[in-house]
Amino acid sequence: MRKTKIAVCFWVLILGSFALGGRSHAQVGGPPIGSWRGDFPDGSWLTLMCQGNGNCMYAPSGAPQPVVGTSSWQQTSPAGGILTITYRTGGFVNHLYYSITWVNAKTIVLSDPSFRVTMTRQN
């Protein structure tokens, strides 16, 4: 009887993982590799581009030029983490820190203490 319960629990876990989408780490939960765009209610927008080699660009609308640098990823949960963008300006090394939460393979939420925006993958 005990072996039967263990077997049933095992199959429930296996089938449950498939029912939840069987998402791979590369699709959901890892760094946001690709090109992303988020639109704010006031009409402004934000573009984020992250490459697999660590190169990164962060471009809010209205900025005189995009921030270009390198990115690093710190996983904080199965569905997200902290994206750090390191860039140089005026002879100084600067860092931007953003919380990324995966909604699905084509949608992330990017936030920091002052704003939050839902971003979609651009093809």
N, C-alpha and C. Protein backbone atom coordinates (compact mmCIF):
# COMPACT_ATOMS: atom_id res chain seq x y z
N MET A 1 0.83 -1.20 0.00
CA MET A 1 0.00 0.00 0.00
C MET A 1 0.87 1.26 0.00
N ARG A 2 1.94 1.27 0.82
CA ARG A 2 2.83 2.43 0.89
C ARG A 2 3.52 2.66 -0.43
N LYS A 3 3.98 1.60 -1.10
CA LYS A 3 4.64 1.72 -2.40
C LYS A 3 3.69 2.29 -3.44
N THR A 4 2.43 1.92 -3.36
CA THR A 4 1.43 2.43 -4.30
C THR A 4 1.25 3.94 -4.11
N LYS A 5 1.18 4.40 -2.86
CA LYS A 5 1.03 5.84 -2.59
C LYS A 5 2.24 6.61 -3.10
N ILE A 6 3.44 6.06 -2.90
CA ILE A 6 4.65 6.73 -3.37
C ILE A 6 4.64 6.81 -4.90
N ALA A 7 4.25 5.73 -5.55
CA ALA A 7 4.19 5.71 -7.02
C ALA A 7 3.17 6.72 -7.53
N VAL A 8 2.03 6.78 -6.89
CA VAL A 8 0.99 7.74 -7.30
C VAL A 8 1.50 9.18 -7.13
N CYS A 9 2.15 9.48 -6.01
CA CYS A 9 2.70 10.82 -5.78
C CYS A 9 3.74 11.17 -6.83
N PHE A 10 4.59 10.20 -7.15
CA PHE A 10 5.60 10.41 -8.17
C PHE A 10 4.96 10.78 -9.51
N TRP A 11 3.97 10.04 -9.94
CA TRP A 11 3.32 10.31 -11.24
C TRP A 11 2.54 11.62 -11.22
N VAL A 12 1.96 11.96 -10.09
CA VAL A 12 1.27 13.26 -9.98
C VAL A 12 2.27 14.39 -10.18
N LEU A 13 3.46 14.28 -9.57
CA LEU A 13 4.48 15.31 -9.74
C LEU A 13 4.96 15.40 -11.19
N ILE A 14 5.19 14.26 -11.81
CA ILE A 14 5.65 14.24 -13.20
C ILE A 14 4.59 14.84 -14.12
N LEU A 15 3.37 14.36 -14.02
CA LEU A 15 2.30 14.85 -14.88
C LEU A 15 1.98 16.32 -14.59
N GLY A 16 2.09 16.72 -13.33
CA GLY A 16 1.86 18.12 -12.98
C GLY A 16 2.86 19.05 -13.62
N SER A 17 4.12 18.61 -13.72
CA SER A 17 5.13 19.47 -14.35
C SER A 17 4.84 19.65 -15.83
N PHE A 18 4.31 18.61 -16.50
CA PHE A 18 3.93 18.76 -17.90
C PHE A 18 2.69 19.64 -18.04
N ALA A 19 1.76 19.51 -17.12
CA ALA A 19 0.54 20.33 -17.17
C ALA A 19 0.85 21.80 -16.99
N LEU A 20 1.91 22.11 -16.24
CA LEU A 20 2.29 23.50 -16.03
C LEU A 20 3.11 24.07 -17.17
N GLY A 21 3.26 23.30 -18.22
CA GLY A 21 3.92 23.83 -19.40
C GLY A 21 5.27 23.24 -19.67
N GLY A 22 5.86 22.51 -18.74
CA GLY A 22 7.17 21.93 -18.97
C GLY A 22 8.19 22.95 -19.45
N ARG A 23 8.17 24.15 -18.89
CA ARG A 23 9.04 25.23 -19.34
C ARG A 23 10.50 24.92 -19.07
N SER A 24 11.33 25.26 -20.01
CA SER A 24 12.76 25.07 -19.80
C SER A 24 13.34 26.32 -19.16
N HIS A 25 14.48 26.16 -18.51
CA HIS A 25 15.14 27.27 -17.83
C HIS A 25 15.49 28.38 -18.82
N ALA A 26 15.81 28.02 -20.05
CA ALA A 26 16.19 29.03 -21.03
C ALA A 26 15.01 29.89 -21.45
N GLN A 27 13.80 29.38 -21.39
CA GLN A 27 12.64 30.14 -21.82
C GLN A 27 12.09 31.03 -20.72
N VAL A 28 12.01 30.50 -19.53
CA VAL A 28 11.40 31.24 -18.43
C VAL A 28 12.27 31.08 -17.19
N GLY A 29 12.66 32.18 -16.59
CA GLY A 29 13.39 32.13 -15.34
C GLY A 29 14.85 32.51 -15.45
N GLY A 30 15.43 32.48 -16.61
CA GLY A 30 16.83 32.87 -16.78
C GLY A 30 16.93 34.33 -17.17
N PRO A 31 18.11 34.74 -17.61
CA PRO A 31 18.27 36.14 -18.03
C PRO A 31 17.39 36.45 -19.23
N PRO A 32 16.97 37.69 -19.38
CA PRO A 32 16.05 38.06 -20.47
C PRO A 32 16.79 38.27 -21.80
N ILE A 33 17.33 37.20 -22.35
CA ILE A 33 18.05 37.29 -23.62
C ILE A 33 17.06 37.64 -24.73
N GLY A 34 17.41 38.62 -25.55
CA GLY A 34 16.55 39.03 -26.65
C GLY A 34 16.27 40.51 -26.62
N SER A 35 15.32 40.91 -27.43
CA SER A 35 14.90 42.30 -27.54
C SER A 35 13.52 42.45 -26.93
N TRP A 36 13.35 43.44 -26.04
CA TRP A 36 12.12 43.63 -25.28
C TRP A 36 11.65 45.08 -25.38
N ARG A 37 10.33 45.28 -25.33
CA ARG A 37 9.76 46.63 -25.33
C ARG A 37 8.62 46.69 -24.33
N GLY A 38 8.62 47.78 -23.56
CA GLY A 38 7.55 48.03 -22.62
C GLY A 38 7.00 49.43 -22.83
N ASP A 39 5.68 49.58 -22.75
CA ASP A 39 5.02 50.87 -22.93
C ASP A 39 4.39 51.32 -21.62
N PHE A 40 4.59 52.59 -21.28
CA PHE A 40 4.03 53.17 -20.08
C PHE A 40 2.71 53.86 -20.40
N PRO A 41 1.84 54.04 -19.40
CA PRO A 41 0.55 54.69 -19.63
C PRO A 41 0.65 56.10 -20.21
N ASP A 42 1.75 56.81 -19.94
CA ASP A 42 1.87 58.19 -20.44
C ASP A 42 2.36 58.25 -21.89
N GLY A 43 2.53 57.11 -22.54
CA GLY A 43 2.98 57.08 -23.94
C GLY A 43 4.47 56.88 -24.11
N SER A 44 5.24 56.98 -23.04
CA SER A 44 6.68 56.73 -23.15
C SER A 44 6.91 55.22 -23.21
N TRP A 45 8.12 54.85 -23.57
CA TRP A 45 8.43 53.44 -23.73
C TRP A 45 9.86 53.15 -23.30
N LEU A 46 10.18 51.88 -23.24
CA LEU A 46 11.50 51.42 -22.82
C LEU A 46 11.86 50.22 -23.69
N THR A 47 13.09 50.21 -24.19
CA THR A 47 13.60 49.07 -24.94
C THR A 47 14.78 48.48 -24.18
N LEU A 48 14.82 47.17 -24.10
CA LEU A 48 15.92 46.44 -23.47
C LEU A 48 16.38 45.36 -24.43
N MET A 49 17.68 45.32 -24.69
CA MET A 49 18.24 44.28 -25.54
C MET A 49 19.39 43.61 -24.79
N CYS A 50 19.30 42.31 -24.61
CA CYS A 50 20.35 41.55 -23.93
C CYS A 50 20.79 40.41 -24.84
N GLN A 51 22.08 40.30 -25.03
CA GLN A 51 22.64 39.23 -25.85
C GLN A 51 23.22 38.14 -24.95
N GLY A 52 23.33 36.95 -25.50
CA GLY A 52 23.87 35.83 -24.76
C GLY A 52 25.30 36.02 -24.30
N ASN A 53 26.06 36.88 -24.99
CA ASN A 53 27.45 37.12 -24.61
C ASN A 53 27.59 38.19 -23.51
N GLY A 54 26.46 38.73 -23.03
CA GLY A 54 26.49 39.73 -21.95
C GLY A 54 26.34 41.17 -22.40
N ASN A 55 26.46 41.44 -23.71
CA ASN A 55 26.25 42.81 -24.18
C ASN A 55 24.79 43.20 -23.95
N CYS A 56 24.59 44.47 -23.61
CA CYS A 56 23.25 44.91 -23.25
C CYS A 56 23.04 46.37 -23.64
N MET A 57 21.79 46.70 -24.00
CA MET A 57 21.40 48.08 -24.28
C MET A 57 20.07 48.35 -23.58
N TYR A 58 19.99 49.51 -22.94
CA TYR A 58 18.80 49.95 -22.22
C TYR A 58 18.46 51.32 -22.75
N ALA A 59 17.27 51.48 -23.37
CA ALA A 59 16.94 52.74 -24.03
C ALA A 59 15.54 53.22 -23.66
N PRO A 60 15.43 54.14 -22.71
CA PRO A 60 14.13 54.75 -22.44
C PRO A 60 13.84 55.84 -23.47
N SER A 61 12.57 56.00 -23.80
CA SER A 61 12.21 57.07 -24.74
C SER A 61 12.58 58.41 -24.13
N GLY A 62 13.00 59.33 -24.97
CA GLY A 62 13.37 60.66 -24.51
C GLY A 62 14.80 60.79 -24.03
N ALA A 63 15.50 59.69 -23.86
CA ALA A 63 16.90 59.76 -23.42
C ALA A 63 17.76 60.23 -24.60
N PRO A 64 18.78 61.04 -24.35
CA PRO A 64 19.61 61.53 -25.45
C PRO A 64 20.34 60.40 -26.18
N GLN A 65 20.68 59.33 -25.46
CA GLN A 65 21.31 58.16 -26.07
C GLN A 65 21.04 56.95 -25.19
N PRO A 66 21.07 55.74 -25.77
CA PRO A 66 20.84 54.55 -24.94
C PRO A 66 22.03 54.26 -24.04
N VAL A 67 21.77 53.52 -23.00
CA VAL A 67 22.83 53.01 -22.13
C VAL A 67 23.31 51.70 -22.75
N VAL A 68 24.60 51.63 -23.06
CA VAL A 68 25.19 50.43 -23.66
C VAL A 68 26.28 49.93 -22.74
N GLY A 69 26.24 48.64 -22.44
CA GLY A 69 27.24 48.06 -21.55
C GLY A 69 27.15 46.56 -21.53
N THR A 70 27.46 46.00 -20.39
CA THR A 70 27.38 44.55 -20.22
C THR A 70 26.39 44.25 -19.10
N SER A 71 25.83 43.06 -19.16
CA SER A 71 24.85 42.68 -18.15
C SER A 71 25.30 41.42 -17.43
N SER A 72 24.83 41.28 -16.21
CA SER A 72 25.02 40.05 -15.45
C SER A 72 23.67 39.70 -14.83
N TRP A 73 23.52 38.43 -14.48
CA TRP A 73 22.24 37.92 -14.00
C TRP A 73 22.43 37.21 -12.67
N GLN A 74 21.58 37.52 -11.70
CA GLN A 74 21.56 36.82 -10.43
C GLN A 74 20.16 36.24 -10.23
N GLN A 75 20.04 34.93 -10.36
CA GLN A 75 18.75 34.26 -10.19
C GLN A 75 18.32 34.38 -8.73
N THR A 76 17.07 34.82 -8.48
CA THR A 76 16.57 34.95 -7.11
C THR A 76 15.38 34.05 -6.83
N SER A 77 14.77 33.53 -7.91
CA SER A 77 13.64 32.61 -7.76
C SER A 77 13.53 31.82 -9.07
N PRO A 78 12.70 30.79 -9.11
CA PRO A 78 12.54 30.06 -10.37
C PRO A 78 11.97 30.93 -11.49
N ALA A 79 11.31 32.04 -11.14
CA ALA A 79 10.68 32.88 -12.15
C ALA A 79 11.32 34.24 -12.32
N GLY A 80 12.53 34.44 -11.80
CA GLY A 80 13.11 35.76 -11.98
C GLY A 80 14.43 35.96 -11.28
N GLY A 81 14.88 37.21 -11.35
CA GLY A 81 16.16 37.55 -10.74
C GLY A 81 16.46 39.02 -10.90
N ILE A 82 17.74 39.35 -10.68
CA ILE A 82 18.21 40.74 -10.78
C ILE A 82 19.13 40.86 -11.98
N LEU A 83 18.80 41.77 -12.88
CA LEU A 83 19.64 42.09 -14.03
C LEU A 83 20.46 43.32 -13.66
N THR A 84 21.79 43.20 -13.74
CA THR A 84 22.68 44.33 -13.48
C THR A 84 23.31 44.74 -14.79
N ILE A 85 23.15 46.00 -15.14
CA ILE A 85 23.77 46.55 -16.35
C ILE A 85 24.92 47.44 -15.90
N THR A 86 26.12 47.12 -16.39
CA THR A 86 27.32 47.89 -16.06
C THR A 86 27.73 48.67 -17.30
N TYR A 87 27.93 49.98 -17.13
CA TYR A 87 28.28 50.84 -18.27
C TYR A 87 29.21 51.95 -17.80
N ARG A 88 29.90 52.55 -18.75
CA ARG A 88 30.81 53.66 -18.48
C ARG A 88 30.22 54.96 -19.03
N THR A 89 30.36 56.02 -18.25
CA THR A 89 29.97 57.34 -18.71
C THR A 89 30.81 58.37 -17.95
N GLY A 90 31.32 59.33 -18.65
CA GLY A 90 32.11 60.38 -18.02
C GLY A 90 33.31 59.85 -17.25
N GLY A 91 33.87 58.74 -17.69
CA GLY A 91 35.03 58.17 -17.01
C GLY A 91 34.71 57.35 -15.78
N PHE A 92 33.43 57.20 -15.46
CA PHE A 92 33.02 56.44 -14.29
C PHE A 92 32.32 55.15 -14.70
N VAL A 93 32.45 54.13 -13.89
CA VAL A 93 31.71 52.88 -14.09
C VAL A 93 30.42 52.98 -13.27
N ASN A 94 29.30 52.75 -13.93
CA ASN A 94 28.00 52.85 -13.28
C ASN A 94 27.26 51.52 -13.40
N HIS A 95 26.26 51.34 -12.53
CA HIS A 95 25.46 50.12 -12.54
C HIS A 95 23.98 50.48 -12.45
N LEU A 96 23.18 49.77 -13.22
CA LEU A 96 21.73 49.83 -13.11
C LEU A 96 21.27 48.45 -12.63
N TYR A 97 20.31 48.42 -11.70
CA TYR A 97 19.82 47.16 -11.16
C TYR A 97 18.31 47.08 -11.40
N TYR A 98 17.87 46.00 -12.03
CA TYR A 98 16.45 45.82 -12.31
C TYR A 98 16.00 44.44 -11.89
N SER A 99 14.84 44.38 -11.30
CA SER A 99 14.21 43.11 -10.98
C SER A 99 13.46 42.64 -12.23
N ILE A 100 13.66 41.38 -12.59
CA ILE A 100 12.98 40.80 -13.74
C ILE A 100 12.13 39.64 -13.23
N THR A 101 10.85 39.64 -13.58
CA THR A 101 9.96 38.52 -13.27
C THR A 101 9.38 38.01 -14.59
N TRP A 102 9.55 36.73 -14.84
CA TRP A 102 9.00 36.12 -16.05
C TRP A 102 7.52 35.85 -15.86
N VAL A 103 6.71 36.29 -16.83
CA VAL A 103 5.28 35.98 -16.85
C VAL A 103 5.07 34.74 -17.70
N ASN A 104 5.68 34.73 -18.87
CA ASN A 104 5.72 33.58 -19.77
C ASN A 104 6.92 33.76 -20.69
N ALA A 105 7.08 32.91 -21.69
CA ALA A 105 8.28 32.96 -22.54
C ALA A 105 8.38 34.24 -23.36
N LYS A 106 7.28 34.99 -23.50
CA LYS A 106 7.30 36.21 -24.31
C LYS A 106 7.03 37.47 -23.52
N THR A 107 6.90 37.36 -22.19
CA THR A 107 6.54 38.52 -21.37
C THR A 107 7.34 38.51 -20.07
N ILE A 108 7.92 39.67 -19.75
CA ILE A 108 8.59 39.86 -18.47
C ILE A 108 8.06 41.14 -17.82
N VAL A 109 8.26 41.25 -16.53
CA VAL A 109 7.99 42.50 -15.81
C VAL A 109 9.35 42.99 -15.32
N LEU A 110 9.72 44.20 -15.73
CA LEU A 110 10.96 44.85 -15.31
C LEU A 110 10.58 45.92 -14.31
N SER A 111 11.29 45.96 -13.18
CA SER A 111 10.95 46.97 -12.17
C SER A 111 12.18 47.37 -11.37
N ASP A 112 12.08 48.54 -10.79
CA ASP A 112 13.02 49.02 -9.79
C ASP A 112 12.18 49.77 -8.76
N PRO A 113 12.76 50.39 -7.76
CA PRO A 113 11.92 51.04 -6.75
C PRO A 113 11.02 52.17 -7.28
N SER A 114 11.34 52.74 -8.44
CA SER A 114 10.54 53.88 -8.90
C SER A 114 9.57 53.58 -10.04
N PHE A 115 9.67 52.43 -10.69
CA PHE A 115 8.71 52.11 -11.75
C PHE A 115 8.63 50.61 -11.99
N ARG A 116 7.60 50.25 -12.74
CA ARG A 116 7.34 48.86 -13.12
C ARG A 116 6.73 48.87 -14.49
N VAL A 117 7.22 48.00 -15.40
CA VAL A 117 6.68 47.95 -16.75
C VAL A 117 6.66 46.51 -17.25
N THR A 118 5.58 46.15 -17.91
CA THR A 118 5.46 44.85 -18.54
C THR A 118 6.08 44.97 -19.93
N MET A 119 6.97 44.05 -20.24
CA MET A 119 7.69 44.11 -21.53
C MET A 119 7.42 42.83 -22.32
N THR A 120 7.32 43.00 -23.64
CA THR A 120 7.10 41.85 -24.52
C THR A 120 8.29 41.65 -25.43
N ARG A 121 8.55 40.39 -25.72
CA ARG A 121 9.66 40.04 -26.61
C ARG A 121 9.35 40.52 -28.02
N GLN A 122 10.35 41.16 -28.65
CA GLN A 122 10.21 41.64 -30.01
C GLN A 122 10.94 40.68 -30.94
N ASN A 123 10.37 40.37 -32.07
CA ASN A 123 11.02 39.44 -33.00
C ASN A 123 11.69 40.19 -34.12
